[in-house]
C-alpha cells in the first residue's frame, strides 16, 4: 500500500506517517523509484500507535512497547511496569498541576478581596 493509501485508511496525514517512520514506529519498504510501500497490516499498526499516543505515552516508549501490543490492543504483561511507570508520572504531573491551580485560585481570591467595593 502506498503512503497516500495508508493515510486515507487511517486518517493520519502523510507527514505524520513519515514522522512515525523516523521514530522507528512504522516500517516501509522503498521501491526502486524511492516511493514507500507499506505492508497490509500497516493500518493496524498506525491504529495501535494512535491508541498509545492517546494514552499519553511518548514515541520513545511506544517504540519499546509496540512489539508487545496484542491484536486486541492490550500490552504483554512483561511491559506492565513500563505502563505503570508512565501512569505514576501522569499522577505526579496531575498532582503538581492541582497544587498550581490551588495557588492560582488563592491569588485570584486574594486579589478580588483586596479590591475596593463598587460604590
C-alpha atoms as a PDB file:
ATOM      1  CA  UNK A   1       0.000   0.000   0.000  1.00  0.00           C
ATOM      2  CA  UNK A   2       1.237   3.496  -0.845  1.00  0.00           C
ATOM      3  CA  UNK A   3       1.638   6.218   1.757  1.00  0.00           C
ATOM      4  CA  UNK A   4      -1.408   8.108   0.460  1.00  0.00           C
ATOM      5  CA  UNK A   5      -3.498   4.957   0.721  1.00  0.00           C
ATOM      6  CA  UNK A   6      -2.312   4.385   4.269  1.00  0.00           C
ATOM      7  CA  UNK A   7      -3.119   7.983   5.150  1.00  0.00           C
ATOM      8  CA  UNK A   8      -6.619   7.591   3.712  1.00  0.00           C
ATOM      9  CA  UNK A   9      -7.153   4.281   5.510  1.00  0.00           C
ATOM     10  CA  UNK A  10      -6.096   5.630   8.912  1.00  0.00           C
ATOM     11  CA  UNK A  11      -6.933   9.323   8.828  1.00  0.00           C
ATOM     12  CA  UNK A  12      -3.294  10.118   9.613  1.00  0.00           C
ATOM     13  CA  UNK A  13      -1.541  12.685   7.450  1.00  0.00           C
ATOM     14  CA  UNK A  14       1.290  11.682   5.141  1.00  0.00           C
ATOM     15  CA  UNK A  15       3.569  13.901   7.196  1.00  0.00           C
ATOM     16  CA  UNK A  16       2.568  12.088  10.397  1.00  0.00           C
ATOM     17  CA  UNK A  17       3.214   8.697   8.812  1.00  0.00           C
ATOM     18  CA  UNK A  18       6.686   9.849   7.799  1.00  0.00           C
ATOM     19  CA  UNK A  19       7.262  11.011  11.382  1.00  0.00           C
ATOM     20  CA  UNK A  20       6.232   7.586  12.687  1.00  0.00           C
ATOM     21  CA  UNK A  21       8.813   6.069  10.371  1.00  0.00           C
ATOM     22  CA  UNK A  22      11.516   8.479  11.538  1.00  0.00           C
ATOM     23  CA  UNK A  23      10.741   7.497  15.126  1.00  0.00           C
ATOM     24  CA  UNK A  24      11.060   3.789  14.302  1.00  0.00           C
ATOM     25  CA  UNK A  25       7.367   3.088  14.898  1.00  0.00           C
ATOM     26  CA  UNK A  26       6.318   2.196  11.367  1.00  0.00           C
ATOM     27  CA  UNK A  27       8.183   0.321   8.656  1.00  0.00           C
ATOM     28  CA  UNK A  28       8.038   0.771   4.921  1.00  0.00           C
ATOM     29  CA  UNK A  29       9.880  -0.706   2.011  1.00  0.00           C
ATOM     30  CA  UNK A  30      11.304   1.536  -0.684  1.00  0.00           C
ATOM     31  CA  UNK A  31      10.724   0.804  -4.318  1.00  0.00           C
ATOM     32  CA  UNK A  32      13.470   1.487  -6.860  1.00  0.00           C
ATOM     33  CA  UNK A  33      11.669   4.750  -7.580  1.00  0.00           C
ATOM     34  CA  UNK A  34      12.060   5.729  -3.906  1.00  0.00           C
ATOM     35  CA  UNK A  35       8.348   5.509  -3.143  1.00  0.00           C
ATOM     36  CA  UNK A  36       7.301   3.980   0.149  1.00  0.00           C
ATOM     37  CA  UNK A  37       5.242   0.802   0.320  1.00  0.00           C
ATOM     38  CA  UNK A  38       3.596  -0.466   3.477  1.00  0.00           C
ATOM     39  CA  UNK A  39       2.514  -3.968   4.419  1.00  0.00           C
ATOM     40  CA  UNK A  40      -1.178  -4.807   4.531  1.00  0.00           C
ATOM     41  CA  UNK A  41      -1.062  -4.728   8.339  1.00  0.00           C
ATOM     42  CA  UNK A  42       0.196  -1.134   8.468  1.00  0.00           C
ATOM     43  CA  UNK A  43      -3.243   0.393   9.201  1.00  0.00           C
ATOM     44  CA  UNK A  44      -3.496  -1.742  12.347  1.00  0.00           C
ATOM     45  CA  UNK A  45      -0.012  -0.626  13.408  1.00  0.00           C
ATOM     46  CA  UNK A  46      -0.972   3.033  12.915  1.00  0.00           C
ATOM     47  CA  UNK A  47      -4.129   2.486  14.998  1.00  0.00           C
ATOM     48  CA  UNK A  48      -2.021   0.940  17.781  1.00  0.00           C
ATOM     49  CA  UNK A  49       0.405   3.865  17.648  1.00  0.00           C
ATOM     50  CA  UNK A  50      -2.502   6.338  17.888  1.00  0.00           C
ATOM     51  CA  UNK A  51      -4.014   4.457  20.832  1.00  0.00           C
ATOM     52  CA  UNK A  52      -0.709   4.521  22.703  1.00  0.00           C
ATOM     53  CA  UNK A  53      -0.228   8.214  21.935  1.00  0.00           C
ATOM     54  CA  UNK A  54      -3.783   8.871  23.163  1.00  0.00           C
ATOM     55  CA  UNK A  55      -2.809   7.107  26.397  1.00  0.00           C
ATOM     56  CA  UNK A  56      -0.136   9.765  26.877  1.00  0.00           C
ATOM     57  CA  UNK A  57       2.882   7.677  26.004  1.00  0.00           C
ATOM     58  CA  UNK A  58       5.845   9.318  24.256  1.00  0.00           C
ATOM     59  CA  UNK A  59       7.102   7.876  20.993  1.00  0.00           C
ATOM     60  CA  UNK A  60      10.272   6.533  22.640  1.00  0.00           C
ATOM     61  CA  UNK A  61       8.126   4.395  24.970  1.00  0.00           C
ATOM     62  CA  UNK A  62       5.841   3.376  22.121  1.00  0.00           C
ATOM     63  CA  UNK A  63       8.832   2.154  20.125  1.00  0.00           C
ATOM     64  CA  UNK A  64       9.638  -0.169  23.038  1.00  0.00           C
ATOM     65  CA  UNK A  65       6.028  -1.240  23.627  1.00  0.00           C
ATOM     66  CA  UNK A  66       4.792  -1.669  20.066  1.00  0.00           C
ATOM     67  CA  UNK A  67       6.223  -5.166  19.507  1.00  0.00           C
ATOM     68  CA  UNK A  68       4.384  -6.269  22.664  1.00  0.00           C
ATOM     69  CA  UNK A  69       0.953  -4.881  21.737  1.00  0.00           C
ATOM     70  CA  UNK A  70      -1.514  -7.652  21.017  1.00  0.00           C
ATOM     71  CA  UNK A  71      -4.185  -7.598  18.311  1.00  0.00           C
ATOM     72  CA  UNK A  72      -6.820  -6.572  20.886  1.00  0.00           C
ATOM     73  CA  UNK A  73      -4.750  -3.528  21.892  1.00  0.00           C
ATOM     74  CA  UNK A  74      -3.576  -4.866  25.250  1.00  0.00           C
ATOM     75  CA  UNK A  75       0.111  -4.983  26.085  1.00  0.00           C
ATOM     76  CA  UNK A  76       2.029  -8.105  27.109  1.00  0.00           C
ATOM     77  CA  UNK A  77       2.492  -8.411  30.864  1.00  0.00           C
ATOM     78  CA  UNK A  78       6.262  -8.103  30.506  1.00  0.00           C
ATOM     79  CA  UNK A  79       5.707  -4.400  29.705  1.00  0.00           C
ATOM     80  CA  UNK A  80       3.290  -3.741  32.570  1.00  0.00           C
ATOM     81  CA  UNK A  81       5.986  -1.985  34.611  1.00  0.00           C
ATOM     82  CA  UNK A  82       6.604   0.453  31.749  1.00  0.00           C
ATOM     83  CA  UNK A  83       2.907   1.328  31.640  1.00  0.00           C
ATOM     84  CA  UNK A  84       2.753   1.686  35.419  1.00  0.00           C
ATOM     85  CA  UNK A  85       5.791   3.966  35.362  1.00  0.00           C
ATOM     86  CA  UNK A  86       4.093   6.278  32.876  1.00  0.00           C
ATOM     87  CA  UNK A  87       0.900   6.241  34.928  1.00  0.00           C
ATOM     88  CA  UNK A  88       2.879   7.279  38.028  1.00  0.00           C
ATOM     89  CA  UNK A  89       4.412  10.097  36.002  1.00  0.00           C
ATOM     90  CA  UNK A  90       0.962  11.289  34.943  1.00  0.00           C
ATOM     91  CA  UNK A  91      -0.276  11.117  38.527  1.00  0.00           C
ATOM     92  CA  UNK A  92       2.703  13.222  39.642  1.00  0.00           C
ATOM     93  CA  UNK A  93       2.007  15.825  36.940  1.00  0.00           C
ATOM     94  CA  UNK A  94      -1.694  15.921  37.832  1.00  0.00           C
ATOM     95  CA  UNK A  95      -0.807  16.463  41.484  1.00  0.00           C
ATOM     96  CA  UNK A  96       1.619  19.267  40.619  1.00  0.00           C
ATOM     97  CA  UNK A  97      -0.979  20.926  38.367  1.00  0.00           C
ATOM     98  CA  UNK A  98      -3.586  20.652  41.103  1.00  0.00           C
ATOM     99  CA  UNK A  99      -1.251  22.404  43.550  1.00  0.00           C
ATOM    100  CA  UNK A 100      -0.522  25.105  40.973  1.00  0.00           C
ATOM    101  CA  UNK A 101      -4.247  25.575  40.362  1.00  0.00           C
ATOM    102  CA  UNK A 102      -4.915  25.929  44.082  1.00  0.00           C
ATOM    103  CA  UNK A 103      -2.192  28.577  44.354  1.00  0.00           C
ATOM    104  CA  UNK A 104      -3.538  30.496  41.383  1.00  0.00           C
ATOM    105  CA  UNK A 105      -7.126  30.324  42.670  1.00  0.00           C
ATOM    106  CA  UNK A 106      -5.893  31.631  46.034  1.00  0.00           C
ATOM    107  CA  UNK A 107      -4.107  34.521  44.343  1.00  0.00           C
ATOM    108  CA  UNK A 108      -7.261  35.403  42.402  1.00  0.00           C
ATOM    109  CA  UNK A 109      -9.371  35.286  45.574  1.00  0.00           C
ATOM    110  CA  UNK A 110      -6.895  37.445  47.484  1.00  0.00           C
ATOM    111  CA  UNK A 111      -6.773  39.961  44.615  1.00  0.00           C
ATOM    112  CA  UNK A 112     -10.561  40.187  44.469  1.00  0.00           C
ATOM    113  CA  UNK A 113     -10.788  40.588  48.243  1.00  0.00           C
ATOM    114  CA  UNK A 114      -8.316  43.492  48.183  1.00  0.00           C
ATOM    115  CA  UNK A 115     -10.250  45.434  45.530  1.00  0.00           C
ATOM    116  CA  UNK A 116     -12.379  48.295  46.818  1.00  0.00           C
ATOM    117  CA  UNK A 117     -16.101  47.637  46.772  1.00  0.00           C
ATOM    118  CA  UNK A 118     -18.040  49.354  43.960  1.00  0.00           C
ATOM    119  CA  UNK A 119     -19.966  52.425  45.051  1.00  0.00           C
END
